[in-house]
C-alpha cells in the first residue's frame, strides 16, 4: 500500500516509546529515593556559596554566613545550653564566642560555622548553606575606625572567660543564593581607611555576584563533542555511510544536542543533578521521536524515485533508501547511549550540562 510505511513507522515508534516509558517507570523509584538518600547515604552534589575576597591583607580574619533562619542542614544557631555548644579549644572557642555574641540589626543567626578567610582569601560553604544570608568577617586583632569595642557591626567584646581581645566586625547587606552554586566577589579595598588602615565597619561589605561560567561552557563542549562523536560513529555501525545519510545524521544530532544541552544547562543552573534526571530522560525521549521522524522522512524516501542506486530518467542516480525500521532503531539506540553516557559525565563533570 502507498502509506504502508507510515503504519509501520508509527507501529515501531509506539513500541519503542512504550518500552522507553516502561523503563522509566521501573527506574522511577530510584528517582524518588533521591530525597531519602539525603537522609541516609547523603550522596550527590550539594548547593554551595563561594565568596572570593580581593585586596584582603594577611591579617588574621575569620568569616561566616549569617542565616535568616536558625538552622540549615546540620548547622544551627546556639540554643544557649552546654549540650548545644560545639567542642572548641583555645582560639577557636574565642572566635566562636565572638561570633555568637555578635548582634545583627536584622536578627540574622550565627549557625556556628566559620572558617579562616585570610589564608585562601575565600569563604566557601559547600554543604547546605543558608538561602538568605549575610557575609560576616571578624578581625580579632584589629579595631574599627571609631575604636568601638561593642559586639555589633564594628567591634567585639572582651570575654572574661576566654579573654577574647576586642576586634572588628564587617558585615554585608542581605544576600540570596541565585543559583545552585552561587559565587560572590568582595573588594576589601573599598572598606579600608587609607590613612590608618583600620576598617570602616559602618560601610557594608561591597558584594557582587561573580558566577563562573567558564566551567559550564567547557563542560557543555565536552559533553557535546563526546555524544556527537559517539552517535556519529554509531551511524556508521548501522550502515548509514552515504554522504547524504552522514550529513543528515551529523546535522540532526548537532542541532538536537545543542538544544538539549542548553535546556539542561539552564535547569542545572538552579537545581542539582537529581532534579535534572527526569527532565533529561523526557528530553532524550522527545529528541528520539524527532530524530526518528526526520530520518524516516529524509533517508527513508527516494530523492529521485527508482530503485536504490538505479539511474533515474535524467541520467542521475537515485538516492539510497534505508528501511524505516533501521532508522528508528538507530535513533533509539543513539539516544539511549547518549542518555547512558550523559549520566556518568554529569557525575564526573557536574558542570557538563
Foldseek 3Di string as FASTA:
>chain_A
DVCVQVVVLVVLLVVLLVVLVVVCVVCVVVLVCPVVCCVPVNDFFAFKEKEAEPPDDLAWKKKDKFAPDQDWDPFGAAPPDPVSDDDDDAPLVLVLVLQNQADEPNRTGGRSDMDTCNPRRMDMDGHGDHFKTKMKMKRQPAFAPVRDDDRYQGWTHQDPVRRRHITHMAMADIDGQPWSYWYKYFYQVVQADPPPRHGHRVDHTDIDTDDDCPLLVVLQVVLLVVLLVVLLVLCVVLVLPDPQSSVLSNVLSNVLSVVLSVVLLVVNRHHTPSVCLVVSSVSLSVSLVVQLVSCCVRQQDKPQDDADQDAHPVRDGIHHHDRSSSSSVSSSVSSVVSSVVVVVSCRVRVSND
